[in-house]
Amino acid sequence: MAAFLMAVVFRGMEDAELAEFVEIMLHSGAVLDLGHLPAPRVDKHSTGGVGDKVSLVLAPLVAEAGLYVPMMSGRGLGHTGGTLDKLESIPGFRTDLPLDRFQAVLEAEGVAMTGQTREIAPLDRRLYDLRSVTGTVASIPLIAASIMSKKLAEGLSVLVLDVKVGSGAFLPDPAQAETLARTMVEIGRRQGVPTSALLTAMDRPLGRSAGNALEVREALECLRGEGPDDLRTLVLELAAEMLYRSGRFSDPGTARTRATELLDGGAPLERFRRMVERQGGDPRVVDDASLLPSAAEVMPVRAERAGSVLEVRPLPLGQGVVELGGGRTRLGEPIHPEVGFDQLVQPGDEVEAGDILGRVHARTQESAERGARRVRTAIRIGKDGPLLLPLVQNRVNPDGTLAAPWA
């Protein structure tokens, strides 16, 4: 299988081959039938980035708006974090729900977040782990088939994709990212599931933290109507896309307004709490983030000179999380959820000498010092303003046409 994956990386796949590959992966297991639910079933999938904790906020938010969100997510892949690893930093939270339990949580709360069970796309689950440790992640056909086989098995009415662009994405080149988005949208169309995609920035981390438990903390802040502006903005843009495409609202502007009202009102936070409890997690985490795993060593990294933050490179930080123990370099390797980075500056911030650029959360003093070097490698300070990609750049409609973001 490793040889097959490598061949696809080098040679690609023709359209007919990709369509057949998706069919094989999709039907290697069960396909959910959720047609009995009284509202559309929607989901979102991100191609992966550093600090991307959007799903933890978005899923309960969209469920609060009246849709069902049967979200099956993956683990960390390469330098990017995984939603499952983040959720499992919540004490007791189960991401290995059998299908009947998954459906029961979904029906009760409108949202359930789990990993692939043995029943759902088992071939994808095996290949997903293998790709991470064989250097075969960055392939458009493999990425598209992996994402779409898993999502199509959820019995969705609508799917929205968040395709990352920039130095911290698996496909940094905008043209390649657009090709991936169009490929997945076309797979969705062929399978009868209307699919759209947003092309979003990953030339800097999303938010101010990277690392499993630290990202859960930041997601909880966002669910309280707080948190970093970029995280909040992207959550609301994706929510508007999902609500509009599902037919719940007649235009994306109205959908975004409603999503904003819900997020600021606090109801999605309570829905998240109930989902955590139903999936075996400790609901007290919602009110007391100190119950999340915490690192033995916390080391601030301080600016050596004053200036403007020109760049915060996501790749060194993502690699740093893995190096600290927050990701995997081989199959079956345990995750240390407490490690990572927080209080990271963002491009455009002004700093003085001695200001904190970020904090390293590590298991030992030695690894904290290595993490500090990663922070210094990632951040560039100068006198000019940063040159950043727009947070949301383009949209691929369900018919495959390219359009600007919603006004």
Protein backbone atom coordinates (compact mmCIF):
# COMPACT_ATOMS: atom_id res chain seq x y z
CA MET A 1 0.00 0.00 0.00
CA ALA A 2 2.90 2.36 0.68
CA ALA A 3 4.16 1.71 -2.85
CA PHE A 4 0.68 2.38 -4.26
CA LEU A 5 0.48 5.67 -2.38
CA MET A 6 3.91 6.69 -3.65
CA ALA A 7 2.89 5.86 -7.22
CA VAL A 8 -0.16 8.11 -6.91
CA VAL A 9 2.00 10.93 -5.53
CA PHE A 10 4.30 10.72 -8.56
CA ARG A 11 1.81 9.85 -11.30
CA GLY A 12 -1.52 11.25 -10.13
CA MET A 13 -4.86 9.69 -11.11
CA GLU A 14 -7.10 10.15 -14.11
CA ASP A 15 -10.69 11.26 -13.51
CA ALA A 16 -12.12 7.77 -14.00
CA GLU A 17 -9.49 6.26 -11.70
CA LEU A 18 -10.24 8.80 -8.98
CA ALA A 19 -13.99 8.23 -9.27
CA GLU A 20 -13.47 4.48 -8.91
CA PHE A 21 -11.03 4.94 -6.02
CA VAL A 22 -13.59 7.08 -4.14
CA GLU A 23 -16.27 4.43 -4.72
CA ILE A 24 -14.00 1.69 -3.37
CA MET A 25 -13.09 3.70 -0.28
CA LEU A 26 -16.67 4.84 0.34
CA HIS A 27 -18.12 1.34 0.06
CA SER A 28 -15.34 -0.37 1.99
CA GLY A 29 -17.74 0.17 4.92
CA ALA A 30 -21.19 1.40 5.83
CA VAL A 31 -22.92 4.52 4.48
CA LEU A 32 -25.23 6.21 6.97
CA ASP A 33 -28.88 6.75 6.12
CA LEU A 34 -30.03 9.82 8.06
CA GLY A 35 -33.00 10.66 5.89
CA HIS A 36 -35.35 10.28 8.86
CA LEU A 37 -33.96 13.43 10.52
CA PRO A 38 -36.30 16.42 10.22
CA ALA A 39 -33.67 18.92 9.02
CA PRO A 40 -30.74 18.94 6.55
CA ARG A 41 -27.51 17.17 7.53
CA VAL A 42 -24.43 19.30 6.96
CA ASP A 43 -20.74 19.03 7.66
CA LYS A 44 -17.53 20.92 7.08
CA HIS A 45 -14.03 19.61 6.47
CA SER A 46 -10.71 21.44 6.54
CA THR A 47 -7.68 20.31 4.57
CA GLY A 48 -5.60 21.02 7.65
CA GLY A 49 -3.59 23.80 9.13
CA VAL A 50 -1.80 25.03 12.23
CA GLY A 51 -4.08 26.29 15.00
CA ASP A 52 -7.21 25.25 13.12
CA LYS A 53 -9.76 24.58 15.86
CA VAL A 54 -12.73 25.82 13.80
CA SER A 55 -14.73 22.57 13.99
CA LEU A 56 -14.99 22.74 17.78
CA VAL A 57 -16.88 26.04 17.47
CA LEU A 58 -18.60 25.61 14.13
CA ALA A 59 -20.32 22.26 14.74
CA PRO A 60 -22.35 23.27 17.83
CA LEU A 61 -23.04 26.70 16.31
CA VAL A 62 -24.60 25.28 13.15
CA ALA A 63 -26.53 22.70 15.19
CA GLU A 64 -27.92 25.53 17.30
CA ALA A 65 -29.18 27.11 14.06
CA GLY A 66 -31.36 24.05 13.46
CA LEU A 67 -29.23 21.76 11.28
CA TYR A 68 -27.82 18.32 12.06
CA VAL A 69 -24.02 18.03 12.06
CA PRO A 70 -22.76 14.41 11.90
CA MET A 71 -19.05 15.26 12.02
CA MET A 72 -16.52 12.49 11.51
CA SER A 73 -13.02 13.90 11.80
CA GLY A 74 -9.43 12.77 11.57
CA ARG A 75 -6.26 12.87 13.61
CA GLY A 76 -3.20 14.99 13.13
CA LEU A 77 -1.53 14.51 9.78
CA GLY A 78 2.05 15.66 9.26
CA HIS A 79 2.53 19.09 10.83
CA THR A 80 -1.20 19.79 11.20
CA GLY A 81 -3.36 19.06 14.21
CA GLY A 82 -6.43 16.82 14.13
CA THR A 83 -9.88 17.48 15.56
CA LEU A 84 -9.96 14.07 17.23
CA ASP A 85 -6.71 14.71 19.07
CA LYS A 86 -8.07 18.04 20.29
CA LEU A 87 -11.34 16.51 21.51
CA GLU A 88 -9.50 13.71 23.29
CA SER A 89 -7.66 16.27 25.40
CA ILE A 90 -11.02 16.72 27.19
CA PRO A 91 -10.93 14.16 30.04
CA GLY A 92 -13.09 11.14 29.21
CA PHE A 93 -14.26 12.35 25.78
CA ARG A 94 -14.89 9.41 23.44
CA THR A 95 -14.16 9.76 19.74
CA ASP A 96 -14.60 6.04 19.09
CA LEU A 97 -18.39 5.90 19.26
CA PRO A 98 -20.08 2.95 17.55
CA LEU A 99 -22.53 4.03 14.86
CA ASP A 100 -25.65 3.46 16.93
CA ARG A 101 -24.29 5.62 19.77
CA PHE A 102 -23.09 8.26 17.30
CA GLN A 103 -26.58 8.49 15.81
CA ALA A 104 -28.17 8.67 19.26
CA VAL A 105 -26.01 11.66 20.24
CA LEU A 106 -26.71 13.30 16.88
CA GLU A 107 -30.46 12.90 17.25
CA ALA A 108 -30.43 14.21 20.82
CA GLU A 109 -28.14 17.23 20.40
CA GLY A 110 -28.07 17.91 16.67
CA VAL A 111 -24.30 17.38 16.66
CA ALA A 112 -21.93 14.49 17.27
CA MET A 113 -18.17 14.53 16.73
CA THR A 114 -16.33 11.27 16.39
CA GLY A 115 -13.67 9.46 14.42
CA GLN A 116 -14.14 6.89 11.75
CA THR A 117 -15.50 3.71 13.20
CA ARG A 118 -14.67 0.30 11.83
CA GLU A 119 -17.90 0.57 9.86
CA ILE A 120 -17.15 3.88 8.09
CA ALA A 121 -14.63 3.97 5.22
CA PRO A 122 -12.18 1.58 6.93
CA LEU A 123 -9.87 1.69 3.93
CA ASP A 124 -9.49 5.44 4.33
CA ARG A 125 -8.69 5.05 8.03
CA ARG A 126 -5.82 2.69 7.25
CA LEU A 127 -4.49 4.84 4.42
CA TYR A 128 -4.78 8.03 6.48
CA ASP A 129 -2.39 6.67 9.11
CA LEU A 130 -0.04 5.27 6.48
CA ARG A 131 0.17 8.52 4.51
CA SER A 132 1.28 10.44 7.60
CA VAL A 133 4.36 8.27 8.10
CA THR A 134 5.34 7.58 4.47
CA GLY A 135 5.61 11.14 3.16
CA THR A 136 2.60 10.73 0.86
CA VAL A 137 0.33 13.41 2.28
CA ALA A 138 0.59 16.15 -0.36
CA SER A 139 -1.23 14.51 -3.27
CA ILE A 140 -4.43 15.99 -4.68
CA PRO A 141 -6.07 12.65 -5.57
CA LEU A 142 -5.22 11.09 -2.18
CA ILE A 143 -6.37 14.14 -0.23
CA ALA A 144 -9.60 14.42 -2.24
CA ALA A 145 -10.44 10.71 -2.01
CA SER A 146 -9.70 10.58 1.72
CA ILE A 147 -11.83 13.58 2.60
CA MET A 148 -14.74 12.82 0.31
CA SER A 149 -15.06 9.08 1.04
CA LYS A 150 -15.31 9.84 4.74
CA LYS A 151 -17.74 12.72 4.32
CA LEU A 152 -19.96 11.02 1.75
CA ALA A 153 -20.41 8.11 4.17
CA GLU A 154 -22.08 10.47 6.66
CA GLY A 155 -25.35 10.64 4.73
CA LEU A 156 -25.09 14.41 4.19
CA SER A 157 -27.44 16.85 2.49
CA VAL A 158 -24.70 19.49 2.05
CA LEU A 159 -20.92 19.60 2.49
CA VAL A 160 -18.73 22.70 2.86
CA LEU A 161 -14.95 22.49 2.50
CA ASP A 162 -12.27 24.74 3.96
CA VAL A 163 -9.28 24.42 1.62
CA LYS A 164 -6.14 25.99 3.05
CA VAL A 165 -3.70 28.07 0.99
CA GLY A 166 -0.27 29.34 2.03
CA SER A 167 3.00 28.20 3.52
CA GLY A 168 1.37 26.15 6.31
CA ALA A 169 -1.00 24.24 4.02
CA PHE A 170 -0.32 20.81 2.55
CA LEU A 171 -0.71 22.46 -0.86
CA PRO A 172 0.77 25.97 -0.43
CA ASP A 173 0.34 26.97 -4.07
CA PRO A 174 -3.00 28.74 -4.74
CA ALA A 175 -3.43 27.04 -8.10
CA GLN A 176 -3.00 23.59 -6.55
CA ALA A 177 -5.38 24.46 -3.71
CA GLU A 178 -7.99 25.59 -6.23
CA THR A 179 -7.53 22.35 -8.17
CA LEU A 180 -8.06 20.35 -4.98
CA ALA A 181 -11.20 22.34 -4.17
CA ARG A 182 -12.63 21.84 -7.64
CA THR A 183 -11.76 18.13 -7.54
CA MET A 184 -13.65 17.58 -4.29
CA VAL A 185 -16.61 19.71 -5.37
CA GLU A 186 -16.88 17.59 -8.53
CA ILE A 187 -16.73 14.36 -6.51
CA GLY A 188 -19.58 15.68 -4.38
CA ARG A 189 -21.61 16.61 -7.46
CA ARG A 190 -21.16 13.13 -8.95
CA GLN A 191 -22.31 11.57 -5.69
CA GLY A 192 -25.39 13.81 -5.44
CA VAL A 193 -24.17 15.84 -2.44
CA PRO A 194 -24.02 19.61 -3.15
CA THR A 195 -20.51 20.66 -2.15
CA SER A 196 -18.88 24.08 -2.02
CA ALA A 197 -15.44 25.21 -0.88
CA LEU A 198 -13.83 28.28 0.63
CA LEU A 199 -10.15 28.92 -0.07
CA THR A 200 -8.74 30.32 3.19
CA ALA A 201 -5.37 31.57 4.41
CA MET A 202 -2.77 29.39 6.10
CA ASP A 203 0.24 31.69 5.71
CA ARG A 204 0.00 32.27 9.49
CA PRO A 205 -1.49 30.16 12.29
CA LEU A 206 -5.21 30.50 12.91
CA GLY A 207 -5.72 32.16 16.27
CA ARG A 208 -3.02 32.49 18.91
CA SER A 209 -2.50 28.87 19.99
CA ALA A 210 -1.30 25.60 18.48
CA GLY A 211 -1.48 22.34 20.40
CA ASN A 212 -4.41 20.14 21.35
CA ALA A 213 -5.53 21.22 24.84
CA LEU A 214 -4.44 24.82 24.20
CA GLU A 215 -6.65 24.95 21.12
CA VAL A 216 -9.61 23.59 23.07
CA ARG A 217 -9.16 26.50 25.50
CA GLU A 218 -9.22 28.96 22.61
CA ALA A 219 -12.27 27.30 21.03
CA LEU A 220 -14.13 27.64 24.33
CA GLU A 221 -13.26 31.34 24.38
CA CYS A 222 -14.73 31.69 20.89
CA LEU A 223 -17.89 29.86 21.97
CA ARG A 224 -18.26 32.52 24.69
CA GLY A 225 -18.27 35.20 22.00
CA GLU A 226 -14.61 36.06 22.64
CA GLY A 227 -11.33 34.71 21.28
CA PRO A 228 -9.15 35.81 18.35
CA ASP A 229 -10.80 37.83 15.60
CA ASP A 230 -9.51 35.64 12.76
CA LEU A 231 -10.91 32.46 14.32
CA ARG A 232 -14.28 34.09 14.94
CA THR A 233 -14.44 35.52 11.42
CA LEU A 234 -13.69 32.21 9.75
CA VAL A 235 -16.19 30.34 11.93
CA LEU A 236 -18.92 32.79 10.95
CA GLU A 237 -18.06 32.67 7.23
CA LEU A 238 -18.23 28.87 7.19
CA ALA A 239 -21.42 28.89 9.24
CA ALA A 240 -23.03 31.28 6.77
CA GLU A 241 -22.01 29.04 3.87
CA MET A 242 -23.44 25.94 5.54
CA LEU A 243 -26.71 27.61 6.54
CA TYR A 244 -27.21 29.19 3.12
CA ARG A 245 -26.34 26.08 1.08
CA SER A 246 -28.67 23.97 3.21
CA GLY A 247 -31.59 26.22 2.26
CA ARG A 248 -32.10 27.34 5.85
CA PHE A 249 -31.67 30.98 4.81
CA SER A 250 -32.38 32.67 1.50
CA ASP A 251 -29.13 34.63 1.38
CA PRO A 252 -25.69 34.33 2.99
CA GLY A 253 -25.88 37.75 4.65
CA THR A 254 -28.94 36.81 6.67
CA ALA A 255 -27.34 33.48 7.53
CA ARG A 256 -24.22 35.22 8.81
CA THR A 257 -26.24 37.65 10.92
CA ARG A 258 -28.11 34.79 12.55
CA ALA A 259 -24.90 32.85 13.19
CA THR A 260 -23.38 35.93 14.84
CA GLU A 261 -26.41 36.35 17.10
CA LEU A 262 -26.26 32.72 18.17
CA LEU A 263 -22.52 32.76 18.85
CA ASP A 264 -22.78 35.91 20.96
CA GLY A 265 -25.82 34.54 22.80
CA GLY A 266 -24.00 31.58 24.35
CA ALA A 267 -26.36 28.77 23.29
CA PRO A 268 -23.74 26.97 21.13
CA LEU A 269 -21.48 26.77 24.21
CA GLU A 270 -24.23 25.00 26.14
CA ARG A 271 -24.82 22.63 23.22
CA PHE A 272 -21.10 21.85 23.18
CA ARG A 273 -21.28 21.12 26.92
CA ARG A 274 -24.16 18.66 26.42
CA MET A 275 -22.37 16.94 23.54
CA VAL A 276 -19.22 16.55 25.66
CA GLU A 277 -21.23 14.96 28.45
CA ARG A 278 -23.09 12.59 26.11
CA GLN A 279 -19.77 11.47 24.64
CA GLY A 280 -18.29 10.66 28.03
CA GLY A 281 -16.31 13.85 28.56
CA ASP A 282 -16.16 16.02 31.65
CA PRO A 283 -18.60 18.90 31.01
CA ARG A 284 -16.97 20.99 33.76
CA VAL A 285 -14.20 21.76 31.28
CA VAL A 286 -16.54 24.25 29.61
CA ASP A 287 -16.46 26.45 32.72
CA ASP A 288 -13.04 25.50 34.09
CA ALA A 289 -10.32 25.09 31.46
CA SER A 290 -7.82 24.21 34.22
CA LEU A 291 -9.32 20.70 34.07
CA LEU A 292 -7.64 20.25 30.69
CA PRO A 293 -4.15 18.71 30.65
CA SER A 294 -1.44 21.22 31.51
CA ALA A 295 2.29 21.17 30.81
CA ALA A 296 4.98 20.82 33.44
CA GLU A 297 7.04 23.60 31.82
CA VAL A 298 5.68 26.91 30.47
CA MET A 299 8.36 29.13 28.95
CA PRO A 300 7.69 32.65 27.60
CA VAL A 301 9.64 33.66 24.50
CA ARG A 302 10.39 37.39 24.48
CA ALA A 303 11.16 39.83 21.69
CA GLU A 304 14.78 40.89 21.49
CA ARG A 305 13.93 44.19 19.79
CA ALA A 306 11.00 46.46 19.06
CA GLY A 307 9.16 46.48 15.77
CA SER A 308 6.21 45.21 13.80
CA VAL A 309 5.47 41.49 13.47
CA LEU A 310 5.89 40.90 9.76
CA GLU A 311 5.52 37.13 9.67
CA VAL A 312 4.43 34.23 11.85
CA ARG A 313 5.27 31.15 9.84
CA PRO A 314 2.90 28.27 10.59
CA LEU A 315 5.10 25.41 9.40
CA PRO A 316 7.85 25.71 12.07
CA LEU A 317 5.16 25.99 14.75
CA GLY A 318 3.27 22.94 13.48
CA GLN A 319 6.52 20.99 13.34
CA GLY A 320 7.32 22.28 16.81
CA VAL A 321 4.07 20.88 18.23
CA VAL A 322 4.97 17.47 16.80
CA GLU A 323 8.51 17.74 18.18
CA LEU A 324 7.13 18.58 21.64
CA GLY A 325 5.01 15.41 21.53
CA GLY A 326 1.69 16.87 20.39
CA GLY A 327 1.72 14.98 17.08
CA ARG A 328 2.89 11.68 15.64
CA THR A 329 5.94 10.70 13.63
CA ARG A 330 5.06 7.00 13.46
CA LEU A 331 1.96 4.80 13.65
CA GLY A 332 0.50 4.27 17.11
CA GLU A 333 2.66 6.90 18.79
CA PRO A 334 0.95 8.44 21.86
CA ILE A 335 -0.09 12.09 21.90
CA HIS A 336 0.76 14.48 24.72
CA PRO A 337 -2.21 16.86 24.60
CA GLU A 338 -0.79 19.45 26.99
CA VAL A 339 2.11 20.62 24.81
CA GLY A 340 2.22 23.38 22.22
CA PHE A 341 2.30 27.16 21.92
CA ASP A 342 -0.05 29.91 23.06
CA GLN A 343 -0.19 33.71 23.38
CA LEU A 344 1.37 33.86 19.92
CA VAL A 345 1.66 37.28 18.35
CA GLN A 346 -0.02 37.80 14.99
CA PRO A 347 1.21 39.61 11.88
CA GLY A 348 0.68 43.33 12.28
CA ASP A 349 1.14 43.34 16.06
CA GLU A 350 3.56 45.94 17.42
CA VAL A 351 6.03 44.68 20.03
CA GLU A 352 8.63 46.22 22.31
CA ALA A 353 11.84 44.55 23.43
CA GLY A 354 10.93 42.12 26.19
CA ASP A 355 7.32 41.60 25.06
CA ILE A 356 6.08 38.04 24.85
CA LEU A 357 6.09 36.60 21.32
CA GLY A 358 4.50 33.37 22.52
CA ARG A 359 4.71 30.76 25.25
CA VAL A 360 5.99 27.20 24.96
CA HIS A 361 4.16 24.43 26.86
CA ALA A 362 6.47 21.44 27.21
CA ARG A 363 7.10 18.31 29.25
CA THR A 364 10.72 19.12 30.09
CA GLN A 365 12.99 22.15 30.29
CA GLU A 366 15.06 20.83 27.40
CA SER A 367 12.07 20.42 25.09
CA ALA A 368 10.80 23.86 26.13
CA GLU A 369 14.08 25.38 24.97
CA ARG A 370 13.74 23.57 21.63
CA GLY A 371 10.21 24.90 21.35
CA ALA A 372 11.45 28.42 22.05
CA ARG A 373 13.85 28.11 19.12
CA ARG A 374 10.88 27.11 16.94
CA VAL A 375 9.03 30.26 17.98
CA ARG A 376 12.02 32.45 17.13
CA THR A 377 12.38 30.70 13.76
CA ALA A 378 8.71 31.29 12.98
CA ILE A 379 8.45 34.99 13.86
CA ARG A 380 10.04 37.82 11.91
CA ILE A 381 10.06 41.38 13.23
CA GLY A 382 10.82 44.46 11.15
CA LYS A 383 9.65 47.95 10.32
CA ASP A 384 7.28 47.45 7.39
CA GLY A 385 3.74 46.09 7.41
CA PRO A 386 3.00 42.38 6.84
CA LEU A 387 1.97 41.04 3.45
CA LEU A 388 -0.85 38.60 4.19
CA LEU A 389 -3.24 36.52 2.15
CA PRO A 390 -6.90 37.47 2.63
CA LEU A 391 -8.43 35.25 5.32
CA VAL A 392 -11.09 34.11 2.82
CA GLN A 393 -9.87 34.39 -0.76
CA ASN A 394 -12.29 32.67 -3.11
CA ARG A 395 -15.26 30.34 -3.18
CA VAL A 396 -15.91 27.34 -5.40
CA ASN A 397 -19.64 26.94 -5.96
CA PRO A 398 -21.38 23.55 -6.18
CA ASP A 399 -21.35 23.84 -9.99
CA GLY A 400 -17.57 24.25 -9.96
CA THR A 401 -17.49 27.96 -10.78
CA LEU A 402 -15.07 30.23 -8.95
CA ALA A 403 -16.45 33.31 -7.18
CA ALA A 404 -15.40 35.97 -4.71
CA PRO A 405 -16.21 35.63 -0.99
CA TRP A 406 -19.68 36.69 0.07
CA ALA A 407 -19.89 40.44 0.55
